[in-house]
Amino acid sequence: VPAMPGILNTTPAMIQLTLSLYMVMLGVGQVIFGPLSDRIGRRPILLAGATAFVIASLGAAWSSTAPAFVAFRLLQAVGASAMLVATFATVRDVYAN
């Protein structure tokens, strides 16, 4: 992480912004994907989230500019939030009384 500002030709604050935005989007995404997974099912949400996360991870790894890196990190958070909420909801569904 210390080398990232130099590699992406940006400031450390921009790299830290990716962490903050990731956490915000992780929370907001759960609010969106929770009710959506109730409507269309857990599996489609989980698979879409995993796909988005993998694509965003590859994009972030290959990004050469800070704005592209931030965008891919936001997409990662969207995918992670979808996977997280679908996983917890599935566990609740399986083990509910």
PDB file of N, CA and C in Angstrom:
ATOM      1  N   VAL A   1       0.818  -1.202   0.000  1.00  0.00           N
ATOM      2  CA  VAL A   1       0.000   0.000   0.000  1.00  0.00           C
ATOM      3  C   VAL A   1       0.858   1.260   0.000  1.00  0.00           C
ATOM      4  N   PRO A   2       1.992   1.308   0.691  1.00  0.00           N
ATOM      5  CA  PRO A   2       2.788   2.542   0.648  1.00  0.00           C
ATOM      6  C   PRO A   2       3.285   2.906  -0.749  1.00  0.00           C
ATOM      7  N   ALA A   3       3.452   1.943  -1.623  1.00  0.00           N
ATOM      8  CA  ALA A   3       3.945   2.217  -2.973  1.00  0.00           C
ATOM      9  C   ALA A   3       2.840   2.646  -3.934  1.00  0.00           C
ATOM     10  N   MET A   4       1.600   2.465  -3.548  1.00  0.00           N
ATOM     11  CA  MET A   4       0.491   2.725  -4.472  1.00  0.00           C
ATOM     12  C   MET A   4       0.399   4.169  -4.953  1.00  0.00           C
ATOM     13  N   PRO A   5       0.586   5.175  -4.100  1.00  0.00           N
ATOM     14  CA  PRO A   5       0.512   6.549  -4.632  1.00  0.00           C
ATOM     15  C   PRO A   5       1.527   6.804  -5.743  1.00  0.00           C
ATOM     16  N   GLY A   6       2.709   6.255  -5.607  1.00  0.00           N
ATOM     17  CA  GLY A   6       3.713   6.427  -6.648  1.00  0.00           C
ATOM     18  C   GLY A   6       3.367   5.687  -7.923  1.00  0.00           C
ATOM     19  N   ILE A   7       2.854   4.483  -7.775  1.00  0.00           N
ATOM     20  CA  ILE A   7       2.502   3.667  -8.940  1.00  0.00           C
ATOM     21  C   ILE A   7       1.336   4.284  -9.710  1.00  0.00           C
ATOM     22  N   LEU A   8       0.338   4.782  -8.971  1.00  0.00           N
ATOM     23  CA  LEU A   8      -0.850   5.351  -9.608  1.00  0.00           C
ATOM     24  C   LEU A   8      -0.738   6.856  -9.841  1.00  0.00           C
ATOM     25  N   ASN A   9       0.415   7.427  -9.480  1.00  0.00           N
ATOM     26  CA  ASN A   9       0.658   8.855  -9.672  1.00  0.00           C
ATOM     27  C   ASN A   9      -0.429   9.701  -9.005  1.00  0.00           C
ATOM     28  N   THR A  10      -0.635   9.449  -7.713  1.00  0.00           N
ATOM     29  CA  THR A  10      -1.656  10.164  -6.956  1.00  0.00           C
ATOM     30  C   THR A  10      -1.159  10.405  -5.536  1.00  0.00           C
ATOM     31  N   THR A  11      -2.038  10.882  -4.698  1.00  0.00           N
ATOM     32  CA  THR A  11      -1.681  11.184  -3.313  1.00  0.00           C
ATOM     33  C   THR A  11      -2.091  10.033  -2.393  1.00  0.00           C
ATOM     34  N   PRO A  12      -1.467   9.951  -1.217  1.00  0.00           N
ATOM     35  CA  PRO A  12      -1.906   8.949  -0.241  1.00  0.00           C
ATOM     36  C   PRO A  12      -3.370   9.140   0.168  1.00  0.00           C
ATOM     37  N   ALA A  13      -3.842  10.376   0.154  1.00  0.00           N
ATOM     38  CA  ALA A  13      -5.240  10.641   0.512  1.00  0.00           C
ATOM     39  C   ALA A  13      -6.197   9.973  -0.470  1.00  0.00           C
ATOM     40  N   MET A  14      -5.848   9.944  -1.736  1.00  0.00           N
ATOM     41  CA  MET A  14      -6.705   9.296  -2.734  1.00  0.00           C
ATOM     42  C   MET A  14      -6.755   7.788  -2.494  1.00  0.00           C
ATOM     43  N   ILE A  15      -5.640   7.201  -2.119  1.00  0.00           N
ATOM     44  CA  ILE A  15      -5.613   5.770  -1.821  1.00  0.00           C
ATOM     45  C   ILE A  15      -6.445   5.486  -0.575  1.00  0.00           C
ATOM     46  N   GLN A  16      -6.344   6.348   0.433  1.00  0.00           N
ATOM     47  CA  GLN A  16      -7.153   6.184   1.641  1.00  0.00           C
ATOM     48  C   GLN A  16      -8.637   6.361   1.330  1.00  0.00           C
ATOM     49  N   LEU A  17      -8.949   7.204   0.371  1.00  0.00           N
ATOM     50  CA  LEU A  17     -10.338   7.409  -0.029  1.00  0.00           C
ATOM     51  C   LEU A  17     -10.954   6.109  -0.544  1.00  0.00           C
ATOM     52  N   THR A  18     -10.159   5.293  -1.206  1.00  0.00           N
ATOM     53  CA  THR A  18     -10.695   4.023  -1.697  1.00  0.00           C
ATOM     54  C   THR A  18     -11.154   3.139  -0.545  1.00  0.00           C
ATOM     55  N   LEU A  19     -10.449   3.177   0.575  1.00  0.00           N
ATOM     56  CA  LEU A  19     -10.854   2.379   1.735  1.00  0.00           C
ATOM     57  C   LEU A  19     -12.149   2.904   2.332  1.00  0.00           C
ATOM     58  N   SER A  20     -12.254   4.218   2.450  1.00  0.00           N
ATOM     59  CA  SER A  20     -13.469   4.814   3.007  1.00  0.00           C
ATOM     60  C   SER A  20     -14.672   4.555   2.112  1.00  0.00           C
ATOM     61  N   LEU A  21     -14.506   4.768   0.821  1.00  0.00           N
ATOM     62  CA  LEU A  21     -15.609   4.537  -0.112  1.00  0.00           C
ATOM     63  C   LEU A  21     -16.006   3.067  -0.156  1.00  0.00           C
ATOM     64  N   TYR A  22     -15.034   2.191  -0.028  1.00  0.00           N
ATOM     65  CA  TYR A  22     -15.325   0.757  -0.012  1.00  0.00           C
ATOM     66  C   TYR A  22     -16.237   0.423   1.164  1.00  0.00           C
ATOM     67  N   MET A  23     -15.903   0.935   2.344  1.00  0.00           N
ATOM     68  CA  MET A  23     -16.709   0.635   3.529  1.00  0.00           C
ATOM     69  C   MET A  23     -18.112   1.227   3.420  1.00  0.00           C
ATOM     70  N   VAL A  24     -18.218   2.434   2.897  1.00  0.00           N
ATOM     71  CA  VAL A  24     -19.538   3.056   2.728  1.00  0.00           C
ATOM     72  C   VAL A  24     -20.378   2.240   1.750  1.00  0.00           C
ATOM     73  N   MET A  25     -19.798   1.886   0.624  1.00  0.00           N
ATOM     74  CA  MET A  25     -20.543   1.127  -0.378  1.00  0.00           C
ATOM     75  C   MET A  25     -20.882  -0.274   0.125  1.00  0.00           C
ATOM     76  N   LEU A  26     -20.022  -0.847   0.942  1.00  0.00           N
ATOM     77  CA  LEU A  26     -20.305  -2.157   1.518  1.00  0.00           C
ATOM     78  C   LEU A  26     -21.566  -2.098   2.375  1.00  0.00           C
ATOM     79  N   GLY A  27     -21.727  -1.036   3.141  1.00  0.00           N
ATOM     80  CA  GLY A  27     -22.928  -0.874   3.957  1.00  0.00           C
ATOM     81  C   GLY A  27     -24.160  -0.542   3.143  1.00  0.00           C
ATOM     82  N   VAL A  28     -24.031   0.391   2.222  1.00  0.00           N
ATOM     83  CA  VAL A  28     -25.171   0.799   1.393  1.00  0.00           C
ATOM     84  C   VAL A  28     -25.638  -0.359   0.512  1.00  0.00           C
ATOM     85  N   GLY A  29     -24.701  -1.104  -0.014  1.00  0.00           N
ATOM     86  CA  GLY A  29     -25.054  -2.228  -0.877  1.00  0.00           C
ATOM     87  C   GLY A  29     -25.875  -3.284  -0.167  1.00  0.00           C
ATOM     88  N   GLN A  30     -25.598  -3.510   1.105  1.00  0.00           N
ATOM     89  CA  GLN A  30     -26.367  -4.504   1.848  1.00  0.00           C
ATOM     90  C   GLN A  30     -27.819  -4.081   2.003  1.00  0.00           C
ATOM     91  N   VAL A  31     -28.035  -2.784   2.166  1.00  0.00           N
ATOM     92  CA  VAL A  31     -29.403  -2.271   2.269  1.00  0.00           C
ATOM     93  C   VAL A  31     -30.151  -2.485   0.951  1.00  0.00           C
ATOM     94  N   ILE A  32     -29.443  -2.390  -0.146  1.00  0.00           N
ATOM     95  CA  ILE A  32     -30.058  -2.573  -1.463  1.00  0.00           C
ATOM     96  C   ILE A  32     -30.234  -4.059  -1.786  1.00  0.00           C
ATOM     97  N   PHE A  33     -29.181  -4.844  -1.575  1.00  0.00           N
ATOM     98  CA  PHE A  33     -29.217  -6.244  -1.996  1.00  0.00           C
ATOM     99  C   PHE A  33     -30.000  -7.150  -1.054  1.00  0.00           C
ATOM    100  N   GLY A  34     -30.199  -6.752   0.188  1.00  0.00           N
ATOM    101  CA  GLY A  34     -30.988  -7.563   1.111  1.00  0.00           C
ATOM    102  C   GLY A  34     -32.415  -7.758   0.625  1.00  0.00           C
ATOM    103  N   PRO A  35     -33.162  -6.670   0.443  1.00  0.00           N
ATOM    104  CA  PRO A  35     -34.528  -6.828  -0.076  1.00  0.00           C
ATOM    105  C   PRO A  35     -34.569  -7.436  -1.483  1.00  0.00           C
ATOM    106  N   LEU A  36     -33.566  -7.114  -2.295  1.00  0.00           N
ATOM    107  CA  LEU A  36     -33.533  -7.678  -3.643  1.00  0.00           C
ATOM    108  C   LEU A  36     -33.365  -9.199  -3.598  1.00  0.00           C
ATOM    109  N   SER A  37     -32.539  -9.683  -2.672  1.00  0.00           N
ATOM    110  CA  SER A  37     -32.361 -11.139  -2.563  1.00  0.00           C
ATOM    111  C   SER A  37     -33.609 -11.813  -2.008  1.00  0.00           C
ATOM    112  N   ASP A  38     -34.411 -11.081  -1.235  1.00  0.00           N
ATOM    113  CA  ASP A  38     -35.692 -11.630  -0.783  1.00  0.00           C
ATOM    114  C   ASP A  38     -36.647 -11.815  -1.959  1.00  0.00           C
ATOM    115  N   ARG A  39     -36.560 -10.913  -2.929  1.00  0.00           N
ATOM    116  CA  ARG A  39     -37.469 -10.957  -4.080  1.00  0.00           C
ATOM    117  C   ARG A  39     -37.049 -11.950  -5.148  1.00  0.00           C
ATOM    118  N   ILE A  40     -35.780 -11.903  -5.538  1.00  0.00           N
ATOM    119  CA  ILE A  40     -35.367 -12.728  -6.685  1.00  0.00           C
ATOM    120  C   ILE A  40     -34.570 -13.960  -6.290  1.00  0.00           C
ATOM    121  N   GLY A  41     -34.224 -14.077  -5.035  1.00  0.00           N
ATOM    122  CA  GLY A  41     -33.507 -15.260  -4.570  1.00  0.00           C
ATOM    123  C   GLY A  41     -32.068 -14.969  -4.195  1.00  0.00           C
ATOM    124  N   ARG A  42     -31.535 -15.838  -3.370  1.00  0.00           N
ATOM    125  CA  ARG A  42     -30.165 -15.658  -2.860  1.00  0.00           C
ATOM    126  C   ARG A  42     -29.110 -15.981  -3.920  1.00  0.00           C
ATOM    127  N   ARG A  43     -29.328 -17.064  -4.650  1.00  0.00           N
ATOM    128  CA  ARG A  43     -28.324 -17.529  -5.613  1.00  0.00           C
ATOM    129  C   ARG A  43     -27.999 -16.502  -6.697  1.00  0.00           C
ATOM    130  N   PRO A  44     -28.986 -15.889  -7.353  1.00  0.00           N
ATOM    131  CA  PRO A  44     -28.633 -14.899  -8.378  1.00  0.00           C
ATOM    132  C   PRO A  44     -27.842 -13.710  -7.813  1.00  0.00           C
ATOM    133  N   ILE A  45     -28.201 -13.291  -6.611  1.00  0.00           N
ATOM    134  CA  ILE A  45     -27.483 -12.176  -5.984  1.00  0.00           C
ATOM    135  C   ILE A  45     -26.058 -12.592  -5.653  1.00  0.00           C
ATOM    136  N   LEU A  46     -25.893 -13.780  -5.105  1.00  0.00           N
ATOM    137  CA  LEU A  46     -24.563 -14.275  -4.758  1.00  0.00           C
ATOM    138  C   LEU A  46     -23.685 -14.422  -5.996  1.00  0.00           C
ATOM    139  N   LEU A  47     -24.224 -14.996  -7.053  1.00  0.00           N
ATOM    140  CA  LEU A  47     -23.439 -15.186  -8.275  1.00  0.00           C
ATOM    141  C   LEU A  47     -23.110 -13.861  -8.961  1.00  0.00           C
ATOM    142  N   ALA A  48     -24.069 -12.948  -8.987  1.00  0.00           N
ATOM    143  CA  ALA A  48     -23.803 -11.630  -9.581  1.00  0.00           C
ATOM    144  C   ALA A  48     -22.754 -10.881  -8.770  1.00  0.00           C
ATOM    145  N   GLY A  49     -22.845 -10.976  -7.455  1.00  0.00           N
ATOM    146  CA  GLY A  49     -21.862 -10.320  -6.597  1.00  0.00           C
ATOM    147  C   GLY A  49     -20.470 -10.894  -6.785  1.00  0.00           C
ATOM    148  N   ALA A  50     -20.381 -12.216  -6.871  1.00  0.00           N
ATOM    149  CA  ALA A  50     -19.081 -12.853  -7.075  1.00  0.00           C
ATOM    150  C   ALA A  50     -18.483 -12.470  -8.423  1.00  0.00           C
ATOM    151  N   THR A  51     -19.320 -12.436  -9.439  1.00  0.00           N
ATOM    152  CA  THR A  51     -18.851 -12.042 -10.771  1.00  0.00           C
ATOM    153  C   THR A  51     -18.352 -10.604 -10.772  1.00  0.00           C
ATOM    154  N   ALA A  52     -19.127  -9.711 -10.175  1.00  0.00           N
ATOM    155  CA  ALA A  52     -18.720  -8.304 -10.100  1.00  0.00           C
ATOM    156  C   ALA A  52     -17.420  -8.160  -9.325  1.00  0.00           C
ATOM    157  N   PHE A  53     -17.287  -8.907  -8.239  1.00  0.00           N
ATOM    158  CA  PHE A  53     -16.084  -8.809  -7.419  1.00  0.00           C
ATOM    159  C   PHE A  53     -14.849  -9.283  -8.181  1.00  0.00           C
ATOM    160  N   VAL A  54     -14.973 -10.386  -8.892  1.00  0.00           N
ATOM    161  CA  VAL A  54     -13.832 -10.910  -9.657  1.00  0.00           C
ATOM    162  C   VAL A  54     -13.437  -9.943 -10.769  1.00  0.00           C
ATOM    163  N   ILE A  55     -14.415  -9.449 -11.512  1.00  0.00           N
ATOM    164  CA  ILE A  55     -14.122  -8.500 -12.593  1.00  0.00           C
ATOM    165  C   ILE A  55     -13.482  -7.236 -12.036  1.00  0.00           C
ATOM    166  N   ALA A  56     -14.018  -6.737 -10.929  1.00  0.00           N
ATOM    167  CA  ALA A  56     -13.467  -5.523 -10.321  1.00  0.00           C
ATOM    168  C   ALA A  56     -12.066  -5.763  -9.774  1.00  0.00           C
ATOM    169  N   SER A  57     -11.816  -6.937  -9.240  1.00  0.00           N
ATOM    170  CA  SER A  57     -10.480  -7.249  -8.730  1.00  0.00           C
ATOM    171  C   SER A  57      -9.453  -7.262  -9.855  1.00  0.00           C
ATOM    172  N   LEU A  58      -9.824  -7.870 -10.969  1.00  0.00           N
ATOM    173  CA  LEU A  58      -8.917  -7.870 -12.122  1.00  0.00           C
ATOM    174  C   LEU A  58      -8.703  -6.453 -12.641  1.00  0.00           C
ATOM    175  N   GLY A  59      -9.775  -5.680 -12.709  1.00  0.00           N
ATOM    176  CA  GLY A  59      -9.654  -4.296 -13.156  1.00  0.00           C
ATOM    177  C   GLY A  59      -8.789  -3.463 -12.233  1.00  0.00           C
ATOM    178  N   ALA A  60      -8.958  -3.645 -10.931  1.00  0.00           N
ATOM    179  CA  ALA A  60      -8.143  -2.894  -9.969  1.00  0.00           C
ATOM    180  C   ALA A  60      -6.674  -3.290 -10.076  1.00  0.00           C
ATOM    181  N   ALA A  61      -6.431  -4.570 -10.281  1.00  0.00           N
ATOM    182  CA  ALA A  61      -5.048  -5.030 -10.408  1.00  0.00           C
ATOM    183  C   ALA A  61      -4.376  -4.469 -11.652  1.00  0.00           C
ATOM    184  N   TRP A  62      -5.138  -4.285 -12.708  1.00  0.00           N
ATOM    185  CA  TRP A  62      -4.576  -3.800 -13.968  1.00  0.00           C
ATOM    186  C   TRP A  62      -4.713  -2.296 -14.162  1.00  0.00           C
ATOM    187  N   SER A  63      -5.341  -1.609 -13.235  1.00  0.00           N
ATOM    188  CA  SER A  63      -5.552  -0.169 -13.426  1.00  0.00           C
ATOM    189  C   SER A  63      -4.233   0.580 -13.281  1.00  0.00           C
ATOM    190  N   SER A  64      -4.098   1.616 -14.077  1.00  0.00           N
ATOM    191  CA  SER A  64      -2.870   2.409 -14.050  1.00  0.00           C
ATOM    192  C   SER A  64      -3.123   3.852 -13.642  1.00  0.00           C
ATOM    193  N   THR A  65      -4.375   4.199 -13.384  1.00  0.00           N
ATOM    194  CA  THR A  65      -4.707   5.547 -12.928  1.00  0.00           C
ATOM    195  C   THR A  65      -5.530   5.462 -11.652  1.00  0.00           C
ATOM    196  N   ALA A  66      -5.452   6.506 -10.856  1.00  0.00           N
ATOM    197  CA  ALA A  66      -6.187   6.539  -9.592  1.00  0.00           C
ATOM    198  C   ALA A  66      -7.703   6.516  -9.786  1.00  0.00           C
ATOM    199  N   PRO A  67      -8.273   7.295 -10.716  1.00  0.00           N
ATOM    200  CA  PRO A  67      -9.732   7.229 -10.887  1.00  0.00           C
ATOM    201  C   PRO A  67     -10.226   5.837 -11.287  1.00  0.00           C
ATOM    202  N   ALA A  68      -9.487   5.155 -12.137  1.00  0.00           N
ATOM    203  CA  ALA A  68      -9.877   3.793 -12.517  1.00  0.00           C
ATOM    204  C   ALA A  68      -9.795   2.868 -11.313  1.00  0.00           C
ATOM    205  N   PHE A  69      -8.755   3.030 -10.513  1.00  0.00           N
ATOM    206  CA  PHE A  69      -8.606   2.198  -9.317  1.00  0.00           C
ATOM    207  C   PHE A  69      -9.759   2.425  -8.343  1.00  0.00           C
ATOM    208  N   VAL A  70     -10.130   3.682  -8.139  1.00  0.00           N
ATOM    209  CA  VAL A  70     -11.255   4.003  -7.248  1.00  0.00           C
ATOM    210  C   VAL A  70     -12.547   3.389  -7.786  1.00  0.00           C
ATOM    211  N   ALA A  71     -12.777   3.496  -9.075  1.00  0.00           N
ATOM    212  CA  ALA A  71     -13.993   2.938  -9.674  1.00  0.00           C
ATOM    213  C   ALA A  71     -14.046   1.420  -9.502  1.00  0.00           C
ATOM    214  N   PHE A  72     -12.935   0.754  -9.733  1.00  0.00           N
ATOM    215  CA  PHE A  72     -12.920  -0.702  -9.572  1.00  0.00           C
ATOM    216  C   PHE A  72     -13.087  -1.104  -8.110  1.00  0.00           C
ATOM    217  N   ARG A  73     -12.539  -0.305  -7.195  1.00  0.00           N
ATOM    218  CA  ARG A  73     -12.735  -0.603  -5.768  1.00  0.00           C
ATOM    219  C   ARG A  73     -14.205  -0.435  -5.380  1.00  0.00           C
ATOM    220  N   LEU A  74     -14.883   0.551  -5.949  1.00  0.00           N
ATOM    221  CA  LEU A  74     -16.314   0.707  -5.675  1.00  0.00           C
ATOM    222  C   LEU A  74     -17.096  -0.489  -6.209  1.00  0.00           C
ATOM    223  N   LEU A  75     -16.745  -0.954  -7.391  1.00  0.00           N
ATOM    224  CA  LEU A  75     -17.403  -2.134  -7.942  1.00  0.00           C
ATOM    225  C   LEU A  75     -17.106  -3.372  -7.094  1.00  0.00           C
ATOM    226  N   GLN A  76     -15.900  -3.455  -6.557  1.00  0.00           N
ATOM    227  CA  GLN A  76     -15.577  -4.541  -5.638  1.00  0.00           C
ATOM    228  C   GLN A  76     -16.497  -4.513  -4.426  1.00  0.00           C
ATOM    229  N   ALA A  77     -16.719  -3.336  -3.890  1.00  0.00           N
ATOM    230  CA  ALA A  77     -17.580  -3.205  -2.716  1.00  0.00           C
ATOM    231  C   ALA A  77     -19.013  -3.598  -3.030  1.00  0.00           C
ATOM    232  N   VAL A  78     -19.481  -3.253  -4.213  1.00  0.00           N
ATOM    233  CA  VAL A  78     -20.832  -3.655  -4.618  1.00  0.00           C
ATOM    234  C   VAL A  78     -20.921  -5.180  -4.654  1.00  0.00           C
ATOM    235  N   GLY A  79     -19.950  -5.808  -5.279  1.00  0.00           N
ATOM    236  CA  GLY A  79     -19.940  -7.267  -5.336  1.00  0.00           C
ATOM    237  C   GLY A  79     -19.816  -7.902  -3.964  1.00  0.00           C
ATOM    238  N   ALA A  80     -18.958  -7.343  -3.133  1.00  0.00           N
ATOM    239  CA  ALA A  80     -18.777  -7.884  -1.787  1.00  0.00           C
ATOM    240  C   ALA A  80     -20.042  -7.746  -0.957  1.00  0.00           C
ATOM    241  N   SER A  81     -20.724  -6.624  -1.078  1.00  0.00           N
ATOM    242  CA  SER A  81     -21.946  -6.438  -0.295  1.00  0.00           C
ATOM    243  C   SER A  81     -23.032  -7.407  -0.744  1.00  0.00           C
ATOM    244  N   ALA A  82     -23.114  -7.659  -2.030  1.00  0.00           N
ATOM    245  CA  ALA A  82     -24.098  -8.627  -2.530  1.00  0.00           C
ATOM    246  C   ALA A  82     -23.788 -10.024  -2.007  1.00  0.00           C
ATOM    247  N   MET A  83     -22.520 -10.411  -2.064  1.00  0.00           N
ATOM    248  CA  MET A  83     -22.143 -11.733  -1.568  1.00  0.00           C
ATOM    249  C   MET A  83     -22.374 -11.849  -0.068  1.00  0.00           C
ATOM    250  N   LEU A  84     -22.030 -10.806   0.660  1.00  0.00           N
ATOM    251  CA  LEU A  84     -22.159 -10.825   2.115  1.00  0.00           C
ATOM    252  C   LEU A  84     -23.606 -10.987   2.547  1.00  0.00           C
ATOM    253  N   VAL A  85     -24.482 -10.168   1.997  1.00  0.00           N
ATOM    254  CA  VAL A  85     -25.879 -10.222   2.413  1.00  0.00           C
ATOM    255  C   VAL A  85     -26.534 -11.528   1.959  1.00  0.00           C
ATOM    256  N   ALA A  86     -26.200 -12.019   0.786  1.00  0.00           N
ATOM    257  CA  ALA A  86     -26.786 -13.276   0.311  1.00  0.00           C
ATOM    258  C   ALA A  86     -26.308 -14.454   1.152  1.00  0.00           C
ATOM    259  N   THR A  87     -25.051 -14.430   1.553  1.00  0.00           N
ATOM    260  CA  THR A  87     -24.519 -15.506   2.385  1.00  0.00           C
ATOM    261  C   THR A  87     -25.184 -15.524   3.753  1.00  0.00           C
ATOM    262  N   PHE A  88     -25.257 -14.369   4.403  1.00  0.00           N
ATOM    263  CA  PHE A  88     -25.891 -14.312   5.725  1.00  0.00           C
ATOM    264  C   PHE A  88     -27.363 -14.687   5.655  1.00  0.00           C
ATOM    265  N   ALA A  89     -28.044 -14.242   4.614  1.00  0.00           N
ATOM    266  CA  ALA A  89     -29.462 -14.572   4.468  1.00  0.00           C
ATOM    267  C   ALA A  89     -29.654 -16.064   4.217  1.00  0.00           C
ATOM    268  N   THR A  90     -28.757 -16.675   3.462  1.00  0.00           N
ATOM    269  CA  THR A  90     -28.846 -18.112   3.211  1.00  0.00           C
ATOM    270  C   THR A  90     -28.649 -18.900   4.499  1.00  0.00           C
ATOM    271  N   VAL A  91     -27.673 -18.504   5.284  1.00  0.00           N
ATOM    272  CA  VAL A  91     -27.442 -19.172   6.572  1.00  0.00           C
ATOM    273  C   VAL A  91     -28.668 -19.026   7.464  1.00  0.00           C
ATOM    274  N   ARG A  92     -29.242 -17.841   7.488  1.00  0.00           N
ATOM    275  CA  ARG A  92     -30.449 -17.623   8.285  1.00  0.00           C
ATOM    276  C   ARG A  92     -31.592 -18.494   7.776  1.00  0.00           C
ATOM    277  N   ASP A  93     -31.747 -18.592   6.463  1.00  0.00           N
ATOM    278  CA  ASP A  93     -32.811 -19.423   5.890  1.00  0.00           C
ATOM    279  C   ASP A  93     -32.642 -20.896   6.256  1.00  0.00           C
ATOM    280  N   VAL A  94     -31.414 -21.374   6.217  1.00  0.00           N
ATOM    281  CA  VAL A  94     -31.147 -22.786   6.482  1.00  0.00           C
ATOM    282  C   VAL A  94     -31.353 -23.126   7.955  1.00  0.00           C
ATOM    283  N   TYR A  95     -30.923 -22.230   8.838  1.00  0.00           N
ATOM    284  CA  TYR A  95     -30.952 -22.539  10.266  1.00  0.00           C
ATOM    285  C   TYR A  95     -32.069 -21.844  11.026  1.00  0.00           C
ATOM    286  N   ALA A  96     -33.035 -21.266  10.341  1.00  0.00           N
ATOM    287  CA  ALA A  96     -34.168 -20.626  11.023  1.00  0.00           C
ATOM    288  C   ALA A  96     -35.053 -21.705  11.647  1.00  0.00           C
ATOM    289  N   ASN A  97     -35.634 -21.368  12.762  1.00  0.00           N
ATOM    290  CA  ASN A  97     -36.508 -22.339  13.458  1.00  0.00           C
ATOM    291  C   ASN A  97     -37.808 -22.500  12.764  1.00  0.00           C
TER     292      ASN A  97
END
